[in-house]
Every structure is written in structure tokens, then in C-alpha cells.
Amino acid sequence: MKGPGLSKSEQASYAQLDELKSEIEAECDRYWRGSGIDWRPLKPVAKGVVKRANESQSDD
């Protein structure tokens, strides 16, 4: 996480937490892959394209 309102030490802390989160997720994935059970919720699947009301229907 980076942003103009964070100090360098806060940014470093967030970077460490993000790295730790990634490691934990990878360990969980390895565990659950070996168990044959996927506990994670299904990822959303796009059903179609959404257009704004003011966009024209033709591609001219």
C-alpha cells in the first residue's frame, strides 16, 4: 500500500504485511490443493458487457 499520506516507515510496514499475506495465501493454497477441497469462494464471472446509457449502439 502506497500513498501520499503514509510515511516511509508506514509504507515499509504495509509492504511487509502484504508480503506476509501473500506467503500465507500461498501456504493455504498448497494445503487445500493437497486435500482435494477448495474452500475459497468462487471468483466472479462476467456475464456480458455493460454499456453506459449515453453510448451509441452502432460502431460507426
PDB file of N, CA and C in Angstrom:
ATOM      1  N   MET A   1       0.861  -1.171   0.000  1.00  0.00           N
ATOM      2  CA  MET A   1       0.000   0.000   0.000  1.00  0.00           C
ATOM      3  C   MET A   1       0.901   1.226   0.000  1.00  0.00           C
ATOM      4  N   LYS A   2       0.662   2.094  -0.923  1.00  0.00           N
ATOM      5  CA  LYS A   2       1.434   3.321  -1.002  1.00  0.00           C
ATOM      6  C   LYS A   2       0.478   4.480  -1.151  1.00  0.00           C
ATOM      7  N   GLY A   3       0.890   5.604  -0.677  1.00  0.00           N
ATOM      8  CA  GLY A   3       0.047   6.778  -0.805  1.00  0.00           C
ATOM      9  C   GLY A   3       0.761   7.996  -0.272  1.00  0.00           C
ATOM     10  N   PRO A   4       0.292   9.154  -0.657  1.00  0.00           N
ATOM     11  CA  PRO A   4       0.957  10.384  -0.231  1.00  0.00           C
ATOM     12  C   PRO A   4       0.825  10.641   1.265  1.00  0.00           C
ATOM     13  N   GLY A   5      -0.157  10.037   1.926  1.00  0.00           N
ATOM     14  CA  GLY A   5      -0.367  10.285   3.344  1.00  0.00           C
ATOM     15  C   GLY A   5       0.415   9.356   4.257  1.00  0.00           C
ATOM     16  N   LEU A   6       1.193   8.425   3.693  1.00  0.00           N
ATOM     17  CA  LEU A   6       1.934   7.470   4.511  1.00  0.00           C
ATOM     18  C   LEU A   6       3.416   7.823   4.554  1.00  0.00           C
ATOM     19  N   SER A   7       3.994   7.656   5.731  1.00  0.00           N
ATOM     20  CA  SER A   7       5.434   7.873   5.858  1.00  0.00           C
ATOM     21  C   SER A   7       6.172   6.679   5.266  1.00  0.00           C
ATOM     22  N   LYS A   8       7.483   6.822   5.090  1.00  0.00           N
ATOM     23  CA  LYS A   8       8.275   5.720   4.525  1.00  0.00           C
ATOM     24  C   LYS A   8       8.244   4.498   5.433  1.00  0.00           C
ATOM     25  N   SER A   9       8.237   4.692   6.737  1.00  0.00           N
ATOM     26  CA  SER A   9       8.190   3.552   7.650  1.00  0.00           C
ATOM     27  C   SER A   9       6.832   2.860   7.587  1.00  0.00           C
ATOM     28  N   GLU A  10       5.762   3.639   7.423  1.00  0.00           N
ATOM     29  CA  GLU A  10       4.428   3.040   7.277  1.00  0.00           C
ATOM     30  C   GLU A  10       4.334   2.263   5.963  1.00  0.00           C
ATOM     31  N   GLN A  11       4.886   2.816   4.895  1.00  0.00           N
ATOM     32  CA  GLN A  11       4.883   2.117   3.618  1.00  0.00           C
ATOM     33  C   GLN A  11       5.672   0.816   3.714  1.00  0.00           C
ATOM     34  N   ALA A  12       6.798   0.838   4.435  1.00  0.00           N
ATOM     35  CA  ALA A  12       7.598  -0.374   4.613  1.00  0.00           C
ATOM     36  C   ALA A  12       6.823  -1.418   5.415  1.00  0.00           C
ATOM     37  N   SER A  13       6.099  -0.958   6.435  1.00  0.00           N
ATOM     38  CA  SER A  13       5.287  -1.879   7.233  1.00  0.00           C
ATOM     39  C   SER A  13       4.200  -2.521   6.391  1.00  0.00           C
ATOM     40  N   TYR A  14       3.524  -1.725   5.574  1.00  0.00           N
ATOM     41  CA  TYR A  14       2.485  -2.265   4.701  1.00  0.00           C
ATOM     42  C   TYR A  14       3.072  -3.241   3.680  1.00  0.00           C
ATOM     43  N   ALA A  15       4.270  -2.945   3.190  1.00  0.00           N
ATOM     44  CA  ALA A  15       4.918  -3.846   2.234  1.00  0.00           C
ATOM     45  C   ALA A  15       5.223  -5.188   2.899  1.00  0.00           C
ATOM     46  N   GLN A  16       5.689  -5.157   4.153  1.00  0.00           N
ATOM     47  CA  GLN A  16       5.967  -6.394   4.886  1.00  0.00           C
ATOM     48  C   GLN A  16       4.677  -7.183   5.122  1.00  0.00           C
ATOM     49  N   LEU A  17       3.612  -6.485   5.496  1.00  0.00           N
ATOM     50  CA  LEU A  17       2.331  -7.151   5.727  1.00  0.00           C
ATOM     51  C   LEU A  17       1.792  -7.766   4.436  1.00  0.00           C
ATOM     52  N   ASP A  18       1.945  -7.060   3.326  1.00  0.00           N
ATOM     53  CA  ASP A  18       1.475  -7.575   2.041  1.00  0.00           C
ATOM     54  C   ASP A  18       2.260  -8.819   1.639  1.00  0.00           C
ATOM     55  N   GLU A  19       3.563  -8.809   1.893  1.00  0.00           N
ATOM     56  CA  GLU A  19       4.395  -9.978   1.594  1.00  0.00           C
ATOM     57  C   GLU A  19       3.991 -11.162   2.475  1.00  0.00           C
ATOM     58  N   LEU A  20       3.753 -10.911   3.746  1.00  0.00           N
ATOM     59  CA  LEU A  20       3.320 -11.957   4.669  1.00  0.00           C
ATOM     60  C   LEU A  20       1.970 -12.530   4.246  1.00  0.00           C
ATOM     61  N   LYS A  21       1.046 -11.659   3.839  1.00  0.00           N
ATOM     62  CA  LYS A  21      -0.265 -12.109   3.374  1.00  0.00           C
ATOM     63  C   LYS A  21      -0.114 -13.024   2.160  1.00  0.00           C
ATOM     64  N   SER A  22       0.747 -12.652   1.233  1.00  0.00           N
ATOM     65  CA  SER A  22       0.968 -13.479   0.043  1.00  0.00           C
ATOM     66  C   SER A  22       1.533 -14.843   0.411  1.00  0.00           C
ATOM     67  N   GLU A  23       2.468 -14.870   1.355  1.00  0.00           N
ATOM     68  CA  GLU A  23       3.048 -16.139   1.800  1.00  0.00           C
ATOM     69  C   GLU A  23       2.001 -17.026   2.470  1.00  0.00           C
ATOM     70  N   ILE A  24       1.157 -16.439   3.298  1.00  0.00           N
ATOM     71  CA  ILE A  24       0.100 -17.198   3.978  1.00  0.00           C
ATOM     72  C   ILE A  24      -0.889 -17.754   2.962  1.00  0.00           C
ATOM     73  N   GLU A  25      -1.293 -16.931   1.987  1.00  0.00           N
ATOM     74  CA  GLU A  25      -2.226 -17.397   0.962  1.00  0.00           C
ATOM     75  C   GLU A  25      -1.615 -18.532   0.147  1.00  0.00           C
ATOM     76  N   ALA A  26      -0.320 -18.438  -0.159  1.00  0.00           N
ATOM     77  CA  ALA A  26       0.340 -19.500  -0.921  1.00  0.00           C
ATOM     78  C   ALA A  26       0.372 -20.798  -0.115  1.00  0.00           C
ATOM     79  N   GLU A  27       0.642 -20.703   1.195  1.00  0.00           N
ATOM     80  CA  GLU A  27       0.636 -21.892   2.056  1.00  0.00           C
ATOM     81  C   GLU A  27      -0.757 -22.511   2.117  1.00  0.00           C
ATOM     82  N   CYS A  28      -1.782 -21.685   2.239  1.00  0.00           N
ATOM     83  CA  CYS A  28      -3.161 -22.191   2.277  1.00  0.00           C
ATOM     84  C   CYS A  28      -3.506 -22.864   0.955  1.00  0.00           C
ATOM     85  N   ASP A  29      -3.106 -22.253  -0.150  1.00  0.00           N
ATOM     86  CA  ASP A  29      -3.371 -22.856  -1.461  1.00  0.00           C
ATOM     87  C   ASP A  29      -2.711 -24.223  -1.576  1.00  0.00           C
ATOM     88  N   ARG A  30      -1.450 -24.336  -1.131  1.00  0.00           N
ATOM     89  CA  ARG A  30      -0.750 -25.629  -1.194  1.00  0.00           C
ATOM     90  C   ARG A  30      -1.461 -26.667  -0.318  1.00  0.00           C
ATOM     91  N   TYR A  31      -1.887 -26.264   0.867  1.00  0.00           N
ATOM     92  CA  TYR A  31      -2.574 -27.186   1.769  1.00  0.00           C
ATOM     93  C   TYR A  31      -3.879 -27.670   1.157  1.00  0.00           C
ATOM     94  N   TRP A  32      -4.721 -26.739   0.713  1.00  0.00           N
ATOM     95  CA  TRP A  32      -6.033 -27.106   0.209  1.00  0.00           C
ATOM     96  C   TRP A  32      -5.940 -27.844  -1.121  1.00  0.00           C
ATOM     97  N   ARG A  33      -4.919 -27.541  -1.926  1.00  0.00           N
ATOM     98  CA  ARG A  33      -4.736 -28.271  -3.185  1.00  0.00           C
ATOM     99  C   ARG A  33      -4.449 -29.731  -2.890  1.00  0.00           C
ATOM    100  N   GLY A  34      -3.679 -29.994  -1.841  1.00  0.00           N
ATOM    101  CA  GLY A  34      -3.353 -31.363  -1.458  1.00  0.00           C
ATOM    102  C   GLY A  34      -4.524 -32.108  -0.841  1.00  0.00           C
ATOM    103  N   SER A  35      -5.480 -31.369  -0.281  1.00  0.00           N
ATOM    104  CA  SER A  35      -6.628 -32.008   0.371  1.00  0.00           C
ATOM    105  C   SER A  35      -7.727 -32.374  -0.618  1.00  0.00           C
ATOM    106  N   GLY A  36      -7.705 -31.777  -1.799  1.00  0.00           N
ATOM    107  CA  GLY A  36      -8.755 -32.037  -2.778  1.00  0.00           C
ATOM    108  C   GLY A  36      -9.998 -31.213  -2.560  1.00  0.00           C
ATOM    109  N   ILE A  37      -9.992 -30.319  -1.579  1.00  0.00           N
ATOM    110  CA  ILE A  37     -11.140 -29.469  -1.286  1.00  0.00           C
ATOM    111  C   ILE A  37     -10.732 -28.021  -1.491  1.00  0.00           C
ATOM    112  N   ASP A  38     -11.510 -27.292  -2.257  1.00  0.00           N
ATOM    113  CA  ASP A  38     -11.225 -25.870  -2.456  1.00  0.00           C
ATOM    114  C   ASP A  38     -12.210 -25.078  -1.614  1.00  0.00           C
ATOM    115  N   TRP A  39     -11.724 -24.490  -0.545  1.00  0.00           N
ATOM    116  CA  TRP A  39     -12.559 -23.792   0.410  1.00  0.00           C
ATOM    117  C   TRP A  39     -12.866 -22.366  -0.002  1.00  0.00           C
ATOM    118  N   ARG A  40     -12.129 -21.849  -0.993  1.00  0.00           N
ATOM    119  CA  ARG A  40     -12.264 -20.444  -1.362  1.00  0.00           C
ATOM    120  C   ARG A  40     -13.580 -20.198  -2.102  1.00  0.00           C
ATOM    121  N   PRO A  41     -14.157 -19.001  -1.939  1.00  0.00           N
ATOM    122  CA  PRO A  41     -15.377 -18.682  -2.681  1.00  0.00           C
ATOM    123  C   PRO A  41     -15.079 -18.610  -4.180  1.00  0.00           C
ATOM    124  N   LEU A  42     -16.087 -18.883  -4.988  1.00  0.00           N
ATOM    125  CA  LEU A  42     -15.912 -18.819  -6.433  1.00  0.00           C
ATOM    126  C   LEU A  42     -15.619 -17.386  -6.867  1.00  0.00           C
ATOM    127  N   LYS A  43     -14.765 -17.257  -7.873  1.00  0.00           N
ATOM    128  CA  LYS A  43     -14.452 -15.938  -8.403  1.00  0.00           C
ATOM    129  C   LYS A  43     -15.615 -15.484  -9.279  1.00  0.00           C
ATOM    130  N   PRO A  44     -15.887 -14.176  -9.295  1.00  0.00           N
ATOM    131  CA  PRO A  44     -16.985 -13.691 -10.127  1.00  0.00           C
ATOM    132  C   PRO A  44     -16.692 -13.923 -11.612  1.00  0.00           C
ATOM    133  N   VAL A  45     -17.748 -14.214 -12.356  1.00  0.00           N
ATOM    134  CA  VAL A  45     -17.624 -14.447 -13.788  1.00  0.00           C
ATOM    135  C   VAL A  45     -18.463 -13.398 -14.512  1.00  0.00           C
ATOM    136  N   ALA A  46     -17.851 -12.734 -15.479  1.00  0.00           N
ATOM    137  CA  ALA A  46     -18.577 -11.719 -16.240  1.00  0.00           C
ATOM    138  C   ALA A  46     -19.623 -12.395 -17.113  1.00  0.00           C
ATOM    139  N   LYS A  47     -20.826 -11.875 -17.096  1.00  0.00           N
ATOM    140  CA  LYS A  47     -21.925 -12.434 -17.882  1.00  0.00           C
ATOM    141  C   LYS A  47     -22.136 -11.685 -19.186  1.00  0.00           C
ATOM    142  N   GLY A  48     -21.589 -10.492 -19.307  1.00  0.00           N
ATOM    143  CA  GLY A  48     -21.780  -9.703 -20.525  1.00  0.00           C
ATOM    144  C   GLY A  48     -21.129  -8.341 -20.389  1.00  0.00           C
ATOM    145  N   VAL A  49     -21.255  -7.554 -21.441  1.00  0.00           N
ATOM    146  CA  VAL A  49     -20.664  -6.221 -21.466  1.00  0.00           C
ATOM    147  C   VAL A  49     -21.712  -5.217 -21.025  1.00  0.00           C
ATOM    148  N   VAL A  50     -21.322  -4.308 -20.166  1.00  0.00           N
ATOM    149  CA  VAL A  50     -22.226  -3.260 -19.696  1.00  0.00           C
ATOM    150  C   VAL A  50     -21.835  -1.964 -20.391  1.00  0.00           C
ATOM    151  N   LYS A  51     -22.813  -1.309 -21.001  1.00  0.00           N
ATOM    152  CA  LYS A  51     -22.566  -0.035 -21.675  1.00  0.00           C
ATOM    153  C   LYS A  51     -23.321   1.066 -20.964  1.00  0.00           C
ATOM    154  N   ARG A  52     -22.773   2.247 -21.037  1.00  0.00           N
ATOM    155  CA  ARG A  52     -23.459   3.400 -20.462  1.00  0.00           C
ATOM    156  C   ARG A  52     -24.648   3.758 -21.328  1.00  0.00           C
ATOM    157  N   ALA A  53     -25.636   4.390 -20.739  1.00  0.00           N
ATOM    158  CA  ALA A  53     -26.862   4.741 -21.455  1.00  0.00           C
ATOM    159  C   ALA A  53     -26.586   5.716 -22.589  1.00  0.00           C
ATOM    160  N   ASN A  54     -25.578   6.575 -22.452  1.00  0.00           N
ATOM    161  CA  ASN A  54     -25.331   7.586 -23.481  1.00  0.00           C
ATOM    162  C   ASN A  54     -24.437   7.067 -24.613  1.00  0.00           C
ATOM    163  N   GLU A  55     -23.978   5.830 -24.580  1.00  0.00           N
ATOM    164  CA  GLU A  55     -23.179   5.273 -25.658  1.00  0.00           C
ATOM    165  C   GLU A  55     -24.082   4.821 -26.799  1.00  0.00           C
ATOM    166  N   SER A  56     -23.641   5.067 -28.018  1.00  0.00           N
ATOM    167  CA  SER A  56     -24.458   4.669 -29.171  1.00  0.00           C
ATOM    168  C   SER A  56     -24.378   3.168 -29.384  1.00  0.00           C
ATOM    169  N   GLN A  57     -25.397   2.618 -30.018  1.00  0.00           N
ATOM    170  CA  GLN A  57     -25.456   1.176 -30.268  1.00  0.00           C
ATOM    171  C   GLN A  57     -24.650   0.776 -31.483  1.00  0.00           C
ATOM    172  N   SER A  58     -24.360   1.682 -32.404  1.00  0.00           N
ATOM    173  CA  SER A  58     -23.622   1.327 -33.613  1.00  0.00           C
ATOM    174  C   SER A  58     -22.132   1.586 -33.429  1.00  0.00           C
ATOM    175  N   ASP A  59     -21.319   0.913 -34.252  1.00  0.00           N
ATOM    176  CA  ASP A  59     -19.870   1.086 -34.189  1.00  0.00           C
ATOM    177  C   ASP A  59     -19.379   2.026 -35.261  1.00  0.00           C
ATOM    178  N   ASP A  60     -20.243   2.829 -35.880  1.00  0.00           N
ATOM    179  CA  ASP A  60     -19.862   3.725 -36.976  1.00  0.00           C
ATOM    180  C   ASP A  60     -18.996   4.838 -36.501  1.00  0.00           C
TER     181      ASP A  60
END
